[in-house]
N, C-alpha and C. Protein backbone atom coordinates (compact mmCIF):
# COMPACT_ATOMS: atom_id res chain seq x y z
N UNK A 1 -12.18 3.10 -2.25
CA UNK A 1 -12.71 2.87 -0.97
C UNK A 1 -12.10 1.56 -0.36
N UNK A 2 -11.67 1.63 0.85
CA UNK A 2 -11.11 0.52 1.54
C UNK A 2 -12.23 -0.35 2.13
N UNK A 3 -11.90 -1.62 2.28
CA UNK A 3 -12.89 -2.51 2.92
C UNK A 3 -12.35 -2.78 4.31
N UNK A 4 -13.26 -2.64 5.31
CA UNK A 4 -12.92 -2.89 6.68
C UNK A 4 -13.44 -4.33 7.01
N UNK A 5 -12.99 -4.85 8.10
CA UNK A 5 -13.40 -6.15 8.51
C UNK A 5 -14.90 -6.38 8.66
N UNK A 6 -15.57 -5.36 9.16
CA UNK A 6 -17.04 -5.45 9.36
C UNK A 6 -17.72 -5.52 8.00
N UNK A 7 -17.26 -4.79 7.00
CA UNK A 7 -17.90 -4.87 5.66
C UNK A 7 -17.60 -6.24 4.99
N UNK A 8 -16.39 -6.73 5.23
CA UNK A 8 -16.00 -8.00 4.69
C UNK A 8 -16.90 -9.13 5.29
N UNK A 9 -17.13 -9.07 6.57
CA UNK A 9 -18.01 -10.05 7.26
C UNK A 9 -19.44 -9.94 6.75
N UNK A 10 -19.87 -8.73 6.48
CA UNK A 10 -21.25 -8.52 6.00
C UNK A 10 -21.35 -9.13 4.60
N UNK A 11 -20.33 -8.94 3.76
CA UNK A 11 -20.34 -9.46 2.41
C UNK A 11 -20.27 -11.02 2.46
N UNK A 12 -19.44 -11.52 3.35
CA UNK A 12 -19.38 -13.01 3.45
C UNK A 12 -20.69 -13.58 3.88
N UNK A 13 -21.36 -12.93 4.87
CA UNK A 13 -22.65 -13.45 5.32
C UNK A 13 -23.74 -13.37 4.24
N UNK A 14 -23.67 -12.38 3.35
CA UNK A 14 -24.57 -12.31 2.25
C UNK A 14 -24.33 -13.39 1.17
N UNK A 15 -23.03 -13.64 0.90
CA UNK A 15 -22.65 -14.66 -0.09
C UNK A 15 -22.85 -16.07 0.43
N UNK A 16 -22.76 -16.28 1.72
CA UNK A 16 -22.85 -17.59 2.30
C UNK A 16 -23.90 -17.57 3.43
N UNK A 17 -25.19 -17.47 3.05
CA UNK A 17 -26.23 -17.33 4.05
C UNK A 17 -26.44 -18.59 4.95
N UNK A 18 -25.92 -19.74 4.49
CA UNK A 18 -26.08 -20.98 5.31
C UNK A 18 -25.08 -21.03 6.49
N UNK A 19 -24.07 -20.15 6.52
CA UNK A 19 -23.16 -20.06 7.67
C UNK A 19 -23.64 -19.03 8.65
N UNK A 20 -23.47 -19.34 9.92
CA UNK A 20 -23.82 -18.34 10.95
C UNK A 20 -22.79 -17.18 10.91
N UNK A 21 -23.22 -16.01 11.18
CA UNK A 21 -22.37 -14.82 11.15
C UNK A 21 -21.21 -14.97 12.20
N UNK A 22 -21.52 -15.57 13.33
CA UNK A 22 -20.47 -15.67 14.37
C UNK A 22 -19.38 -16.70 13.91
N UNK A 23 -19.78 -17.73 13.17
CA UNK A 23 -18.88 -18.70 12.66
C UNK A 23 -17.94 -18.04 11.56
N UNK A 24 -18.50 -17.24 10.71
CA UNK A 24 -17.71 -16.49 9.68
C UNK A 24 -16.73 -15.54 10.38
N UNK A 25 -17.18 -14.90 11.43
CA UNK A 25 -16.34 -13.94 12.18
C UNK A 25 -15.15 -14.72 12.81
N UNK A 26 -15.45 -15.85 13.43
CA UNK A 26 -14.40 -16.70 14.08
C UNK A 26 -13.45 -17.20 13.00
N UNK A 27 -13.96 -17.61 11.90
CA UNK A 27 -13.13 -18.09 10.80
C UNK A 27 -12.13 -17.03 10.27
N UNK A 28 -12.67 -15.81 10.05
CA UNK A 28 -11.69 -14.73 9.63
C UNK A 28 -10.70 -14.34 10.68
N UNK A 29 -11.12 -14.38 11.98
CA UNK A 29 -10.18 -14.10 13.02
C UNK A 29 -9.06 -15.16 13.08
N UNK A 30 -9.38 -16.40 12.95
CA UNK A 30 -8.41 -17.50 12.93
C UNK A 30 -7.34 -17.30 11.78
N UNK A 31 -7.92 -16.98 10.60
CA UNK A 31 -7.02 -16.77 9.43
C UNK A 31 -6.08 -15.60 9.67
N UNK A 32 -6.62 -14.47 10.13
CA UNK A 32 -5.81 -13.31 10.33
C UNK A 32 -4.78 -13.54 11.45
N UNK A 33 -5.19 -14.27 12.51
CA UNK A 33 -4.25 -14.51 13.63
C UNK A 33 -3.08 -15.44 13.15
N UNK A 34 -3.41 -16.44 12.31
CA UNK A 34 -2.40 -17.31 11.79
C UNK A 34 -1.41 -16.60 10.86
N UNK A 35 -1.95 -15.69 10.07
CA UNK A 35 -1.03 -14.90 9.21
C UNK A 35 -0.13 -14.03 10.08
N UNK A 36 -0.64 -13.42 11.16
CA UNK A 36 0.23 -12.62 12.02
C UNK A 36 1.24 -13.43 12.74
N UNK A 37 0.87 -14.60 13.21
CA UNK A 37 1.80 -15.47 13.96
C UNK A 37 2.95 -15.98 13.03
N UNK A 38 2.53 -16.30 11.82
CA UNK A 38 3.54 -16.76 10.87
C UNK A 38 4.56 -15.67 10.48
N UNK A 39 4.05 -14.45 10.25
CA UNK A 39 4.91 -13.35 9.90
C UNK A 39 5.85 -13.00 11.10
N UNK A 40 5.26 -13.08 12.32
CA UNK A 40 6.10 -12.78 13.53
C UNK A 40 7.22 -13.79 13.69
N UNK A 41 7.05 -15.03 13.23
CA UNK A 41 8.09 -16.03 13.28
C UNK A 41 9.16 -15.79 12.15
N UNK A 42 8.83 -14.89 11.26
CA UNK A 42 9.77 -14.60 10.16
C UNK A 42 9.53 -15.47 8.94
N UNK A 43 8.46 -16.22 8.90
CA UNK A 43 8.11 -17.06 7.72
C UNK A 43 7.24 -16.33 6.78
N UNK A 44 7.11 -16.78 5.55
CA UNK A 44 6.31 -16.15 4.59
C UNK A 44 4.93 -16.82 4.47
N UNK A 45 3.94 -16.07 4.07
CA UNK A 45 2.58 -16.54 3.91
C UNK A 45 2.22 -16.45 2.42
N UNK A 46 1.92 -17.62 1.85
CA UNK A 46 1.57 -17.58 0.46
C UNK A 46 0.12 -17.97 0.25
N UNK A 47 -0.65 -17.08 -0.37
CA UNK A 47 -2.03 -17.37 -0.70
C UNK A 47 -2.18 -17.40 -2.17
N UNK A 48 -2.30 -18.63 -2.67
CA UNK A 48 -2.29 -18.87 -4.14
C UNK A 48 -3.39 -18.01 -4.86
N UNK A 49 -3.02 -17.37 -5.89
CA UNK A 49 -3.94 -16.53 -6.61
C UNK A 49 -4.09 -15.11 -6.07
N UNK A 50 -3.59 -14.92 -4.86
CA UNK A 50 -3.66 -13.61 -4.17
C UNK A 50 -2.34 -12.96 -4.08
N UNK A 51 -1.41 -13.62 -3.42
CA UNK A 51 -0.07 -12.98 -3.22
C UNK A 51 0.68 -13.62 -2.05
N UNK A 52 1.90 -13.01 -1.84
CA UNK A 52 2.81 -13.51 -0.76
C UNK A 52 3.10 -12.37 0.20
N UNK A 53 2.97 -12.65 1.47
CA UNK A 53 3.36 -11.77 2.52
C UNK A 53 4.72 -12.26 3.09
N UNK A 54 5.61 -11.34 3.25
CA UNK A 54 6.90 -11.78 3.88
C UNK A 54 7.36 -10.57 4.69
N UNK A 55 8.39 -10.85 5.53
CA UNK A 55 8.94 -9.73 6.35
C UNK A 55 10.35 -9.39 5.92
N UNK A 56 10.70 -8.11 6.01
CA UNK A 56 12.01 -7.65 5.72
C UNK A 56 12.49 -6.98 7.04
N UNK A 57 13.79 -7.08 7.29
CA UNK A 57 14.41 -6.38 8.41
C UNK A 57 14.99 -5.04 7.96
N UNK A 58 14.60 -4.00 8.65
CA UNK A 58 15.22 -2.69 8.40
C UNK A 58 16.29 -2.51 9.44
N UNK A 59 17.52 -2.29 9.03
CA UNK A 59 18.65 -2.18 9.95
C UNK A 59 18.48 -0.86 10.81
N UNK A 60 19.08 -0.92 11.97
CA UNK A 60 19.11 0.23 12.83
C UNK A 60 19.96 1.32 12.13
N UNK A 61 19.58 2.58 12.29
CA UNK A 61 20.29 3.67 11.59
C UNK A 61 20.08 4.97 12.27
N UNK A 62 20.87 5.92 11.84
CA UNK A 62 20.71 7.30 12.27
C UNK A 62 19.88 7.99 11.22
N UNK A 63 18.68 8.44 11.57
CA UNK A 63 17.85 9.20 10.65
C UNK A 63 17.72 10.62 11.19
N UNK A 64 16.94 11.41 10.53
CA UNK A 64 16.79 12.78 11.00
C UNK A 64 15.32 13.20 11.02
N UNK A 65 15.02 14.03 11.96
CA UNK A 65 13.67 14.62 12.05
C UNK A 65 13.50 15.65 10.94
N UNK A 66 12.61 15.51 10.02
CA UNK A 66 12.52 16.44 8.89
C UNK A 66 12.08 17.83 9.34
N UNK A 67 11.38 17.95 10.44
CA UNK A 67 10.94 19.28 10.89
C UNK A 67 12.08 20.11 11.51
N UNK A 68 12.90 19.44 12.39
CA UNK A 68 13.98 20.14 13.05
C UNK A 68 15.34 19.88 12.47
N UNK A 69 15.50 18.78 11.75
CA UNK A 69 16.84 18.45 11.18
C UNK A 69 17.66 17.69 12.27
N UNK A 70 17.13 17.48 13.42
CA UNK A 70 17.85 16.83 14.45
C UNK A 70 18.04 15.31 14.14
N UNK A 71 19.23 14.81 14.43
CA UNK A 71 19.54 13.41 14.18
C UNK A 71 18.85 12.54 15.26
N UNK A 72 18.26 11.41 14.83
CA UNK A 72 17.47 10.55 15.67
C UNK A 72 17.87 9.10 15.40
N UNK A 73 18.14 8.33 16.50
CA UNK A 73 18.49 6.91 16.35
C UNK A 73 17.17 6.12 16.13
N UNK A 74 17.15 5.36 15.04
CA UNK A 74 16.01 4.52 14.74
C UNK A 74 16.43 3.00 14.97
N UNK A 75 15.64 2.30 15.74
CA UNK A 75 16.08 0.97 16.05
C UNK A 75 15.71 0.03 14.87
N UNK A 76 16.30 -1.18 14.93
CA UNK A 76 16.02 -2.17 13.86
C UNK A 76 14.53 -2.57 14.00
N UNK A 77 13.90 -2.77 12.86
CA UNK A 77 12.48 -3.16 12.90
C UNK A 77 12.16 -4.02 11.73
N UNK A 78 11.02 -4.75 11.83
CA UNK A 78 10.57 -5.61 10.71
C UNK A 78 9.45 -4.85 9.98
N UNK A 79 9.48 -4.97 8.69
CA UNK A 79 8.43 -4.45 7.82
C UNK A 79 7.82 -5.56 7.04
N UNK A 80 6.60 -5.38 6.60
CA UNK A 80 5.88 -6.40 5.81
C UNK A 80 6.01 -6.07 4.31
N UNK A 81 6.32 -7.06 3.56
CA UNK A 81 6.41 -6.92 2.10
C UNK A 81 5.33 -7.82 1.48
N UNK A 82 4.62 -7.24 0.49
CA UNK A 82 3.57 -7.92 -0.19
C UNK A 82 3.88 -8.00 -1.69
N UNK A 83 3.85 -9.19 -2.27
CA UNK A 83 3.99 -9.35 -3.73
C UNK A 83 2.77 -10.00 -4.24
N UNK A 84 2.06 -9.27 -5.09
CA UNK A 84 0.78 -9.87 -5.63
C UNK A 84 1.00 -10.99 -6.62
N UNK A 85 0.11 -11.90 -6.64
CA UNK A 85 0.15 -13.04 -7.59
C UNK A 85 -0.14 -12.53 -9.01
N UNK A 86 0.27 -13.22 -9.99
CA UNK A 86 0.09 -12.87 -11.36
C UNK A 86 -1.41 -12.82 -11.70
N UNK A 87 -2.16 -13.80 -11.12
CA UNK A 87 -3.57 -13.82 -11.37
C UNK A 87 -4.27 -12.50 -10.91
N UNK A 88 -3.95 -12.08 -9.73
CA UNK A 88 -4.46 -10.89 -9.18
C UNK A 88 -4.14 -9.64 -10.00
N UNK A 89 -2.84 -9.63 -10.44
CA UNK A 89 -2.33 -8.53 -11.28
C UNK A 89 -3.14 -8.42 -12.53
N UNK A 90 -3.37 -9.59 -13.19
CA UNK A 90 -4.11 -9.57 -14.44
C UNK A 90 -5.58 -9.13 -14.19
N UNK A 91 -6.19 -9.54 -13.10
CA UNK A 91 -7.60 -9.18 -12.80
C UNK A 91 -7.65 -7.65 -12.55
N UNK A 92 -6.66 -7.10 -11.80
CA UNK A 92 -6.73 -5.69 -11.52
C UNK A 92 -6.56 -4.85 -12.77
N UNK A 93 -5.84 -5.35 -13.72
CA UNK A 93 -5.54 -4.61 -14.94
C UNK A 93 -6.44 -5.10 -16.12
N UNK A 94 -7.52 -5.76 -15.83
CA UNK A 94 -8.50 -6.19 -16.81
C UNK A 94 -7.94 -6.98 -18.00
N UNK A 95 -7.03 -7.86 -17.64
CA UNK A 95 -6.42 -8.76 -18.71
C UNK A 95 -7.01 -10.17 -18.54
N UNK A 96 -8.20 -10.31 -18.10
CA UNK A 96 -8.79 -11.70 -17.86
C UNK A 96 -8.79 -12.33 -19.16
């Protein structure tokens, strides 16, 4: 099951009842906005114990439509790459 932002905020407000819900919402918005801005600039985001977000450039190329077989020009684009931290890997695989 995936966690959406609303569930994350609900969980945060339960774990930290002394913070106002609107403050927690603003805080998460600021963090996500900064991560987006940093990735847009082409820099990497490192969250210790969690992982590293970075961008890769995918070159422009001629690809094909799998349904029709028609050749289609695909423009250059950026993709996001995530590498999880060793701590997170160990926790996911129950090697605590």
